[in-house]
Amino acid sequence: MSFAKDCNQFSNYNDYYTSEKSWSLISHLIPKNKIIYECCMLNSNLSQSPQILNKLTDNTVLYDTSHNFLEYHKYEDECDIIITNPPFSPTELKKDILKKLIEIDKPFIIILNSTNLFSKYFREIFKNVMHDIQIIIPSIKLSFNRLQEEDNTLKEYKNMGFYSCFVTYKFNLKNEQLFV
């Protein structure tokens, strides 16, 4: 799940989930025969992210919608890689998640609003591991699924007011793989 408050245009609505189209852009970069941990699933009962990642990669995907990734360790020891879309806001929560990912020290791919790359906190959090950080730049605006409250379903939302990218850690991708 993602929250869009990084962009003022979306400050009144905050429930966006990663679409299959967005995850499919990087599915070929995800190693096979790995255990994926989708760690940002707290209260995301409508998110299809684990099922999408499983379908696109044929990897086992661990997740728990009642698990607060920041409060206790659940799947960190069992997983090989972490793939997730952390909340876009509040910023303090996002910063805590980024710090926790570095602390765990497992390879990861996360979706972030690209404006985060220019923030002081991004550089501060990753300063000691910047050599392991790579940015995957999509050729299109990432789409997200938006909760339709009237019937409690998800609908693809393509017209986000911001661009997102994929941030990787310890993936050692080739330069030509950084543009999808």
N, C-alpha and C. Protein backbone atom coordinates (compact mmCIF):
# COMPACT_ATOMS: atom_id res chain seq x y z
N MET A 1 0.84 -1.16 0.00
CA MET A 1 0.00 0.00 0.00
C MET A 1 0.89 1.23 0.00
N SER A 2 0.36 2.26 -0.54
CA SER A 2 1.10 3.49 -0.61
C SER A 2 0.18 4.65 -0.27
N PHE A 3 0.76 5.66 0.30
CA PHE A 3 0.01 6.87 0.59
C PHE A 3 0.60 7.99 -0.25
N ALA A 4 -0.23 8.85 -0.77
CA ALA A 4 0.21 9.81 -1.76
C ALA A 4 0.36 11.23 -1.23
N LYS A 5 0.56 11.43 0.02
CA LYS A 5 0.65 12.79 0.54
C LYS A 5 1.95 13.50 0.19
N ASP A 6 2.87 12.83 -0.48
CA ASP A 6 4.06 13.51 -0.97
C ASP A 6 3.68 14.53 -2.04
N CYS A 7 2.50 14.44 -2.54
CA CYS A 7 2.01 15.32 -3.59
C CYS A 7 0.73 16.00 -3.09
N ASN A 8 0.73 17.32 -3.01
CA ASN A 8 -0.41 18.05 -2.46
C ASN A 8 -1.72 17.74 -3.16
N GLN A 9 -1.67 17.45 -4.45
CA GLN A 9 -2.88 17.15 -5.20
C GLN A 9 -3.65 15.98 -4.60
N PHE A 10 -2.97 15.09 -3.89
CA PHE A 10 -3.61 13.88 -3.38
C PHE A 10 -3.75 13.88 -1.87
N SER A 11 -3.66 15.04 -1.25
CA SER A 11 -3.67 15.08 0.21
C SER A 11 -5.00 14.68 0.82
N ASN A 12 -6.09 14.68 0.05
CA ASN A 12 -7.38 14.30 0.59
C ASN A 12 -7.66 12.81 0.45
N TYR A 13 -6.84 12.12 -0.28
CA TYR A 13 -7.06 10.69 -0.49
C TYR A 13 -5.73 9.97 -0.31
N ASN A 14 -5.75 8.90 0.45
CA ASN A 14 -4.48 8.33 0.86
C ASN A 14 -4.37 6.81 0.72
N ASP A 15 -5.27 6.15 0.02
CA ASP A 15 -5.23 4.69 -0.13
C ASP A 15 -4.92 4.29 -1.56
N TYR A 16 -3.66 4.01 -1.83
CA TYR A 16 -3.22 3.55 -3.14
C TYR A 16 -2.41 2.27 -2.96
N TYR A 17 -2.65 1.30 -3.85
CA TYR A 17 -1.98 0.01 -3.78
C TYR A 17 -1.21 -0.22 -5.08
N THR A 18 -0.11 -0.94 -5.02
CA THR A 18 0.72 -1.17 -6.19
C THR A 18 -0.01 -2.06 -7.18
N SER A 19 -0.03 -1.61 -8.42
CA SER A 19 -0.73 -2.37 -9.47
C SER A 19 0.18 -3.44 -10.05
N GLU A 20 -0.43 -4.41 -10.70
CA GLU A 20 0.34 -5.45 -11.38
C GLU A 20 1.21 -4.84 -12.47
N LYS A 21 0.68 -3.86 -13.15
CA LYS A 21 1.43 -3.19 -14.21
C LYS A 21 2.74 -2.60 -13.66
N SER A 22 2.69 -2.01 -12.49
CA SER A 22 3.91 -1.43 -11.90
C SER A 22 4.92 -2.50 -11.52
N TRP A 23 4.45 -3.57 -10.84
CA TRP A 23 5.38 -4.64 -10.45
C TRP A 23 5.92 -5.37 -11.68
N SER A 24 5.14 -5.46 -12.74
CA SER A 24 5.61 -6.19 -13.92
C SER A 24 6.80 -5.51 -14.59
N LEU A 25 6.96 -4.21 -14.39
CA LEU A 25 8.09 -3.49 -14.99
C LEU A 25 9.44 -4.01 -14.50
N ILE A 26 9.47 -4.53 -13.29
CA ILE A 26 10.74 -5.00 -12.71
C ILE A 26 10.78 -6.50 -12.46
N SER A 27 9.73 -7.21 -12.80
CA SER A 27 9.67 -8.64 -12.47
C SER A 27 10.85 -9.43 -13.05
N HIS A 28 11.35 -9.02 -14.21
CA HIS A 28 12.48 -9.73 -14.83
C HIS A 28 13.79 -9.49 -14.08
N LEU A 29 13.83 -8.51 -13.19
CA LEU A 29 15.03 -8.22 -12.41
C LEU A 29 15.06 -8.94 -11.07
N ILE A 30 13.96 -9.55 -10.71
CA ILE A 30 13.85 -10.23 -9.42
C ILE A 30 14.39 -11.65 -9.58
N PRO A 31 15.40 -12.00 -8.79
CA PRO A 31 15.98 -13.35 -8.91
C PRO A 31 14.96 -14.44 -8.63
N LYS A 32 15.13 -15.56 -9.30
CA LYS A 32 14.25 -16.71 -9.11
C LYS A 32 14.73 -17.55 -7.92
N ASN A 33 13.84 -18.38 -7.44
CA ASN A 33 14.14 -19.28 -6.32
C ASN A 33 14.55 -18.52 -5.06
N LYS A 34 13.92 -17.40 -4.84
CA LYS A 34 14.17 -16.60 -3.64
C LYS A 34 12.88 -16.46 -2.85
N ILE A 35 13.03 -16.20 -1.58
CA ILE A 35 11.88 -15.92 -0.73
C ILE A 35 11.79 -14.40 -0.58
N ILE A 36 10.66 -13.87 -1.01
CA ILE A 36 10.41 -12.43 -0.96
C ILE A 36 9.61 -12.11 0.29
N TYR A 37 9.94 -11.01 0.90
CA TYR A 37 9.17 -10.50 2.03
C TYR A 37 8.52 -9.19 1.61
N GLU A 38 7.21 -9.15 1.58
CA GLU A 38 6.46 -7.92 1.31
C GLU A 38 6.12 -7.36 2.67
N CYS A 39 6.93 -6.44 3.15
CA CYS A 39 6.90 -6.06 4.57
C CYS A 39 5.91 -4.94 4.92
N CYS A 40 5.45 -4.17 3.96
CA CYS A 40 4.56 -3.04 4.27
C CYS A 40 3.11 -3.39 3.96
N MET A 41 2.61 -4.34 4.69
CA MET A 41 1.25 -4.83 4.45
C MET A 41 0.31 -4.59 5.62
N LEU A 42 0.75 -3.89 6.66
CA LEU A 42 -0.07 -3.66 7.84
C LEU A 42 -1.41 -3.04 7.43
N ASN A 43 -2.51 -3.69 7.80
CA ASN A 43 -3.88 -3.24 7.52
C ASN A 43 -4.16 -3.07 6.03
N SER A 44 -3.42 -3.76 5.19
CA SER A 44 -3.61 -3.67 3.73
C SER A 44 -4.37 -4.89 3.22
N ASN A 45 -5.51 -5.10 3.76
CA ASN A 45 -6.29 -6.29 3.42
C ASN A 45 -6.72 -6.36 1.97
N LEU A 46 -6.77 -5.22 1.28
CA LEU A 46 -7.17 -5.22 -0.13
C LEU A 46 -5.98 -5.31 -1.08
N SER A 47 -4.80 -5.14 -0.56
CA SER A 47 -3.62 -5.17 -1.43
C SER A 47 -3.44 -6.56 -2.05
N GLN A 48 -3.10 -6.57 -3.30
CA GLN A 48 -2.82 -7.82 -4.02
C GLN A 48 -1.32 -7.97 -4.26
N SER A 49 -0.52 -7.12 -3.68
CA SER A 49 0.91 -7.10 -3.93
C SER A 49 1.59 -8.47 -3.76
N PRO A 50 1.38 -9.19 -2.66
CA PRO A 50 2.04 -10.50 -2.52
C PRO A 50 1.63 -11.49 -3.62
N GLN A 51 0.35 -11.51 -3.94
CA GLN A 51 -0.13 -12.42 -4.97
C GLN A 51 0.42 -12.04 -6.34
N ILE A 52 0.50 -10.75 -6.61
CA ILE A 52 1.06 -10.27 -7.89
C ILE A 52 2.53 -10.64 -7.98
N LEU A 53 3.29 -10.39 -6.93
CA LEU A 53 4.71 -10.72 -6.94
C LEU A 53 4.93 -12.22 -7.11
N ASN A 54 4.11 -13.02 -6.47
CA ASN A 54 4.19 -14.47 -6.63
C ASN A 54 3.90 -14.88 -8.07
N LYS A 55 2.85 -14.33 -8.63
CA LYS A 55 2.46 -14.64 -10.01
C LYS A 55 3.56 -14.24 -11.01
N LEU A 56 4.14 -13.06 -10.83
CA LEU A 56 5.12 -12.55 -11.79
C LEU A 56 6.50 -13.20 -11.65
N THR A 57 6.83 -13.69 -10.47
CA THR A 57 8.18 -14.22 -10.24
C THR A 57 8.21 -15.69 -9.92
N ASP A 58 7.08 -16.26 -9.55
CA ASP A 58 6.99 -17.65 -9.12
C ASP A 58 7.83 -17.92 -7.87
N ASN A 59 8.06 -16.88 -7.09
CA ASN A 59 8.77 -17.00 -5.82
C ASN A 59 7.77 -17.05 -4.68
N THR A 60 8.19 -17.60 -3.56
CA THR A 60 7.38 -17.55 -2.35
C THR A 60 7.40 -16.11 -1.84
N VAL A 61 6.24 -15.62 -1.45
CA VAL A 61 6.14 -14.25 -0.93
C VAL A 61 5.53 -14.32 0.48
N LEU A 62 6.29 -13.87 1.45
CA LEU A 62 5.84 -13.83 2.84
C LEU A 62 5.26 -12.46 3.14
N TYR A 63 4.17 -12.44 3.90
CA TYR A 63 3.56 -11.17 4.30
C TYR A 63 2.58 -11.43 5.43
N ASP A 64 2.17 -10.36 6.09
CA ASP A 64 1.19 -10.47 7.16
C ASP A 64 0.52 -9.12 7.31
N THR A 65 -0.78 -9.05 7.11
CA THR A 65 -1.49 -7.78 7.19
C THR A 65 -1.69 -7.29 8.62
N SER A 66 -1.35 -8.11 9.60
CA SER A 66 -1.45 -7.68 11.00
C SER A 66 -0.08 -7.39 11.61
N HIS A 67 0.95 -7.49 10.81
CA HIS A 67 2.33 -7.34 11.28
C HIS A 67 2.84 -5.92 11.04
N ASN A 68 3.28 -5.27 12.10
CA ASN A 68 3.91 -3.96 11.99
C ASN A 68 5.41 -4.18 11.82
N PHE A 69 5.87 -3.97 10.64
CA PHE A 69 7.27 -4.19 10.26
C PHE A 69 8.25 -3.49 11.21
N LEU A 70 7.87 -2.36 11.74
CA LEU A 70 8.78 -1.59 12.60
C LEU A 70 8.80 -2.07 14.04
N GLU A 71 7.82 -2.82 14.45
CA GLU A 71 7.72 -3.18 15.87
C GLU A 71 8.32 -4.52 16.25
N TYR A 72 8.31 -5.48 15.35
CA TYR A 72 8.92 -6.76 15.70
C TYR A 72 9.37 -7.49 14.44
N HIS A 73 10.28 -8.40 14.65
CA HIS A 73 10.84 -9.17 13.54
C HIS A 73 9.96 -10.39 13.28
N LYS A 74 9.61 -10.57 12.04
CA LYS A 74 8.80 -11.74 11.73
C LYS A 74 9.44 -12.57 10.63
N TYR A 75 9.64 -11.99 9.46
CA TYR A 75 10.14 -12.75 8.32
C TYR A 75 11.55 -12.35 7.88
N GLU A 76 12.17 -11.45 8.59
CA GLU A 76 13.48 -10.96 8.15
C GLU A 76 14.52 -12.07 8.02
N ASP A 77 14.49 -13.04 8.92
CA ASP A 77 15.47 -14.13 8.86
C ASP A 77 15.14 -15.15 7.77
N GLU A 78 13.87 -15.30 7.45
CA GLU A 78 13.44 -16.30 6.48
C GLU A 78 13.57 -15.84 5.03
N CYS A 79 13.54 -14.54 4.81
CA CYS A 79 13.51 -14.04 3.44
C CYS A 79 14.91 -13.85 2.86
N ASP A 80 14.94 -13.85 1.53
CA ASP A 80 16.18 -13.55 0.80
C ASP A 80 16.22 -12.09 0.36
N ILE A 81 15.06 -11.58 -0.02
CA ILE A 81 14.95 -10.20 -0.49
C ILE A 81 13.65 -9.58 0.00
N ILE A 82 13.62 -8.26 0.06
CA ILE A 82 12.43 -7.53 0.45
C ILE A 82 11.98 -6.71 -0.75
N ILE A 83 10.71 -6.82 -1.07
CA ILE A 83 10.14 -6.03 -2.15
C ILE A 83 8.84 -5.44 -1.62
N THR A 84 8.75 -4.10 -1.66
CA THR A 84 7.58 -3.47 -1.06
C THR A 84 7.37 -2.06 -1.59
N ASN A 85 6.22 -1.53 -1.28
CA ASN A 85 5.87 -0.16 -1.57
C ASN A 85 5.54 0.48 -0.23
N PRO A 86 6.52 1.12 0.40
CA PRO A 86 6.26 1.70 1.73
C PRO A 86 5.28 2.87 1.62
N PRO A 87 4.61 3.20 2.71
CA PRO A 87 3.71 4.35 2.69
C PRO A 87 4.45 5.62 2.25
N PHE A 88 3.81 6.40 1.41
CA PHE A 88 4.42 7.65 0.96
C PHE A 88 4.39 8.70 2.06
N SER A 89 3.46 8.58 2.96
CA SER A 89 3.39 9.52 4.08
C SER A 89 2.80 8.77 5.27
N PRO A 90 2.96 9.22 6.46
CA PRO A 90 3.70 10.41 6.82
C PRO A 90 5.21 10.20 6.64
N THR A 91 5.92 11.27 6.44
CA THR A 91 7.34 11.20 6.14
C THR A 91 8.12 10.49 7.25
N GLU A 92 7.76 10.73 8.50
CA GLU A 92 8.48 10.08 9.60
C GLU A 92 8.36 8.57 9.53
N LEU A 93 7.20 8.07 9.18
CA LEU A 93 7.01 6.63 9.04
C LEU A 93 7.87 6.10 7.90
N LYS A 94 7.87 6.78 6.79
CA LYS A 94 8.67 6.36 5.64
C LYS A 94 10.16 6.35 6.03
N LYS A 95 10.63 7.35 6.73
CA LYS A 95 12.04 7.40 7.15
C LYS A 95 12.36 6.23 8.07
N ASP A 96 11.46 5.91 8.99
CA ASP A 96 11.68 4.78 9.89
C ASP A 96 11.77 3.46 9.12
N ILE A 97 10.93 3.31 8.10
CA ILE A 97 10.97 2.10 7.29
C ILE A 97 12.27 2.00 6.52
N LEU A 98 12.73 3.09 5.95
CA LEU A 98 14.00 3.09 5.21
C LEU A 98 15.16 2.73 6.14
N LYS A 99 15.16 3.28 7.33
CA LYS A 99 16.21 2.97 8.30
C LYS A 99 16.18 1.49 8.68
N LYS A 100 14.99 0.97 8.87
CA LYS A 100 14.84 -0.44 9.24
C LYS A 100 15.34 -1.36 8.11
N LEU A 101 15.06 -0.99 6.87
CA LEU A 101 15.53 -1.78 5.74
C LEU A 101 17.06 -1.85 5.72
N ILE A 102 17.71 -0.75 5.97
CA ILE A 102 19.17 -0.74 6.01
C ILE A 102 19.67 -1.55 7.20
N GLU A 103 19.01 -1.45 8.31
CA GLU A 103 19.38 -2.22 9.51
C GLU A 103 19.30 -3.73 9.24
N ILE A 104 18.26 -4.17 8.55
CA ILE A 104 18.09 -5.59 8.23
C ILE A 104 19.20 -6.06 7.30
N ASP A 105 19.61 -5.19 6.39
CA ASP A 105 20.74 -5.45 5.48
C ASP A 105 20.49 -6.61 4.51
N LYS A 106 19.26 -6.70 4.03
CA LYS A 106 18.92 -7.67 2.98
C LYS A 106 18.72 -6.88 1.69
N PRO A 107 18.97 -7.51 0.55
CA PRO A 107 18.67 -6.82 -0.71
C PRO A 107 17.19 -6.43 -0.75
N PHE A 108 16.92 -5.25 -1.29
CA PHE A 108 15.53 -4.84 -1.41
C PHE A 108 15.28 -4.04 -2.68
N ILE A 109 13.99 -4.02 -3.03
CA ILE A 109 13.46 -3.13 -4.07
C ILE A 109 12.23 -2.49 -3.46
N ILE A 110 12.21 -1.15 -3.46
CA ILE A 110 11.05 -0.43 -2.95
C ILE A 110 10.62 0.61 -3.98
N ILE A 111 9.37 0.98 -3.91
CA ILE A 111 8.84 2.05 -4.74
C ILE A 111 8.83 3.32 -3.90
N LEU A 112 9.36 4.39 -4.47
CA LEU A 112 9.31 5.69 -3.80
C LEU A 112 8.91 6.77 -4.79
N ASN A 113 8.24 7.77 -4.28
CA ASN A 113 8.02 8.97 -5.06
C ASN A 113 9.41 9.53 -5.39
N SER A 114 9.65 9.84 -6.64
CA SER A 114 11.00 10.25 -7.05
C SER A 114 11.49 11.51 -6.35
N THR A 115 10.61 12.34 -5.84
CA THR A 115 11.07 13.54 -5.13
C THR A 115 11.86 13.18 -3.88
N ASN A 116 11.66 11.98 -3.35
CA ASN A 116 12.42 11.55 -2.16
C ASN A 116 13.92 11.50 -2.44
N LEU A 117 14.30 11.26 -3.68
CA LEU A 117 15.71 11.16 -4.03
C LEU A 117 16.44 12.48 -3.78
N PHE A 118 15.71 13.56 -3.79
CA PHE A 118 16.31 14.89 -3.61
C PHE A 118 16.24 15.38 -2.18
N SER A 119 15.74 14.56 -1.29
CA SER A 119 15.57 14.98 0.10
C SER A 119 16.86 14.78 0.91
N LYS A 120 16.99 15.60 1.91
CA LYS A 120 18.13 15.49 2.82
C LYS A 120 18.08 14.15 3.57
N TYR A 121 16.88 13.73 3.99
CA TYR A 121 16.78 12.50 4.76
C TYR A 121 17.16 11.28 3.94
N PHE A 122 16.87 11.27 2.64
CA PHE A 122 17.26 10.13 1.79
C PHE A 122 18.77 9.98 1.81
N ARG A 123 19.47 11.06 1.62
CA ARG A 123 20.94 11.02 1.62
C ARG A 123 21.49 10.67 3.01
N GLU A 124 20.85 11.17 4.03
CA GLU A 124 21.31 10.89 5.40
C GLU A 124 21.12 9.41 5.74
N ILE A 125 19.98 8.85 5.42
CA ILE A 125 19.69 7.45 5.74
C ILE A 125 20.63 6.50 4.99
N PHE A 126 20.90 6.80 3.72
CA PHE A 126 21.69 5.90 2.89
C PHE A 126 23.16 6.28 2.76
N LYS A 127 23.61 7.27 3.52
CA LYS A 127 24.97 7.80 3.34
C LYS A 127 26.07 6.74 3.45
N ASN A 128 25.93 5.79 4.34
CA ASN A 128 26.97 4.78 4.53
C ASN A 128 26.86 3.59 3.59
N VAL A 129 25.76 3.53 2.85
CA VAL A 129 25.54 2.40 1.94
C VAL A 129 25.22 2.88 0.51
N MET A 130 25.50 4.13 0.24
CA MET A 130 25.14 4.69 -1.06
C MET A 130 25.72 3.88 -2.22
N HIS A 131 26.86 3.26 -2.02
CA HIS A 131 27.47 2.44 -3.07
C HIS A 131 26.62 1.20 -3.41
N ASP A 132 25.69 0.83 -2.53
CA ASP A 132 24.81 -0.31 -2.77
C ASP A 132 23.42 0.09 -3.26
N ILE A 133 23.18 1.38 -3.40
CA ILE A 133 21.88 1.89 -3.83
C ILE A 133 21.89 2.12 -5.34
N GLN A 134 20.83 1.66 -5.99
CA GLN A 134 20.63 1.94 -7.41
C GLN A 134 19.18 2.36 -7.61
N ILE A 135 18.96 3.21 -8.58
CA ILE A 135 17.63 3.71 -8.88
C ILE A 135 17.20 3.16 -10.24
N ILE A 136 16.06 2.49 -10.27
CA ILE A 136 15.48 2.01 -11.52
C ILE A 136 14.45 3.04 -11.96
N ILE A 137 14.63 3.54 -13.16
CA ILE A 137 13.77 4.60 -13.67
C ILE A 137 12.81 4.02 -14.70
N PRO A 138 11.52 4.03 -14.39
CA PRO A 138 10.55 3.51 -15.34
C PRO A 138 10.34 4.47 -16.52
N SER A 139 9.97 3.92 -17.66
CA SER A 139 9.72 4.74 -18.85
C SER A 139 8.31 5.32 -18.85
N ILE A 140 7.51 4.91 -17.87
CA ILE A 140 6.14 5.40 -17.74
C ILE A 140 5.90 5.81 -16.29
N LYS A 141 4.83 6.57 -16.07
CA LYS A 141 4.41 6.85 -14.71
C LYS A 141 3.85 5.56 -14.12
N LEU A 142 4.28 5.22 -12.93
CA LEU A 142 3.74 4.02 -12.29
C LEU A 142 2.27 4.23 -11.97
N SER A 143 1.51 3.18 -12.15
CA SER A 143 0.09 3.25 -11.82
C SER A 143 -0.14 2.53 -10.49
N PHE A 144 -1.18 2.94 -9.83
CA PHE A 144 -1.55 2.36 -8.55
C PHE A 144 -3.02 2.02 -8.58
N ASN A 145 -3.42 1.13 -7.70
CA ASN A 145 -4.84 0.80 -7.56
C ASN A 145 -5.40 1.64 -6.43
N ARG A 146 -6.56 2.20 -6.69
CA ARG A 146 -7.21 3.07 -5.71
C ARG A 146 -8.46 2.39 -5.19
N LEU A 147 -8.65 2.46 -3.89
CA LEU A 147 -9.82 1.88 -3.26
C LEU A 147 -11.06 2.67 -3.67
N GLN A 148 -12.05 1.95 -4.19
CA GLN A 148 -13.35 2.54 -4.51
C GLN A 148 -14.26 2.27 -3.31
N GLU A 149 -14.46 3.28 -2.50
CA GLU A 149 -15.17 3.10 -1.23
C GLU A 149 -16.62 2.67 -1.41
N GLU A 150 -17.25 3.07 -2.52
CA GLU A 150 -18.67 2.72 -2.72
C GLU A 150 -18.89 1.22 -2.84
N ASP A 151 -17.93 0.48 -3.42
CA ASP A 151 -18.11 -0.97 -3.52
C ASP A 151 -16.91 -1.77 -2.99
N ASN A 152 -15.99 -1.08 -2.32
CA ASN A 152 -14.84 -1.70 -1.67
C ASN A 152 -13.99 -2.54 -2.64
N THR A 153 -13.80 -2.03 -3.85
CA THR A 153 -12.97 -2.69 -4.85
C THR A 153 -11.80 -1.78 -5.21
N LEU A 154 -10.86 -2.34 -5.93
CA LEU A 154 -9.71 -1.57 -6.37
C LEU A 154 -9.83 -1.29 -7.87
N LYS A 155 -9.45 -0.08 -8.26
CA LYS A 155 -9.48 0.33 -9.65
C LYS A 155 -8.14 0.97 -9.97
N GLU A 156 -7.59 0.63 -11.14
CA GLU A 156 -6.30 1.19 -11.53
C GLU A 156 -6.40 2.70 -11.71
N TYR A 157 -5.45 3.40 -11.12
CA TYR A 157 -5.40 4.85 -11.19
C TYR A 157 -4.08 5.22 -11.85
N LYS A 158 -4.14 5.76 -13.05
CA LYS A 158 -2.95 6.01 -13.85
C LYS A 158 -2.45 7.44 -13.80
N ASN A 159 -3.26 8.36 -13.36
CA ASN A 159 -2.91 9.78 -13.47
C ASN A 159 -2.39 10.36 -12.17
N MET A 160 -1.39 9.74 -11.60
CA MET A 160 -0.80 10.25 -10.37
C MET A 160 -0.14 11.60 -10.69
N GLY A 161 -0.13 12.49 -9.75
CA GLY A 161 0.46 13.81 -9.95
C GLY A 161 1.95 13.83 -9.69
N PHE A 162 2.58 12.67 -9.62
CA PHE A 162 4.01 12.59 -9.36
C PHE A 162 4.57 11.35 -10.05
N TYR A 163 5.87 11.32 -10.17
CA TYR A 163 6.55 10.16 -10.74
C TYR A 163 7.17 9.34 -9.62
N SER A 164 7.14 8.05 -9.78
CA SER A 164 7.75 7.15 -8.81
C SER A 164 8.89 6.38 -9.48
N CYS A 165 9.76 5.84 -8.66
CA CYS A 165 10.87 5.04 -9.15
C CYS A 165 11.05 3.85 -8.21
N PHE A 166 11.92 2.96 -8.61
CA PHE A 166 12.26 1.81 -7.78
C PHE A 166 13.66 2.05 -7.22
N VAL A 167 13.80 1.90 -5.92
CA VAL A 167 15.10 2.03 -5.27
C VAL A 167 15.54 0.63 -4.89
N THR A 168 16.75 0.26 -5.30
CA THR A 168 17.26 -1.06 -4.96
C THR A 168 18.46 -0.94 -4.03
N TYR A 169 18.66 -1.98 -3.28
CA TYR A 169 19.79 -2.08 -2.36
C TYR A 169 20.40 -3.46 -2.55
N LYS A 170 21.69 -3.50 -2.82
CA LYS A 170 22.45 -4.74 -2.98
C LYS A 170 21.91 -5.64 -4.10
N PHE A 171 21.44 -5.04 -5.17
CA PHE A 171 20.98 -5.82 -6.32
C PHE A 171 22.03 -5.91 -7.42
N ASN A 172 23.01 -5.04 -7.40
CA ASN A 172 24.11 -5.06 -8.37
C ASN A 172 23.63 -5.21 -9.81
N LEU A 173 22.73 -4.34 -10.19
CA LEU A 173 22.19 -4.37 -11.54
C LEU A 173 23.16 -3.72 -12.53
N LYS A 174 23.06 -4.12 -13.77
CA LYS A 174 23.85 -3.50 -14.83
C LYS A 174 23.18 -2.17 -15.19
N ASN A 175 23.97 -1.25 -15.70
CA ASN A 175 23.42 0.06 -16.05
C ASN A 175 22.21 -0.02 -16.97
N GLU A 176 22.25 -0.90 -17.93
CA GLU A 176 21.14 -1.01 -18.87
C GLU A 176 19.86 -1.55 -18.23
N GLN A 177 19.97 -2.14 -17.04
CA GLN A 177 18.81 -2.64 -16.33
C GLN A 177 18.11 -1.54 -15.51
N LEU A 178 18.74 -0.40 -15.41
CA LEU A 178 18.22 0.67 -14.56
C LEU A 178 17.15 1.51 -15.25
N PHE A 179 16.85 1.19 -16.50
CA PHE A 179 15.81 1.89 -17.25
C PHE A 179 14.82 0.85 -17.76
N VAL A 180 13.62 0.85 -17.21
CA VAL A 180 12.61 -0.16 -17.58
C VAL A 180 11.39 0.50 -18.22
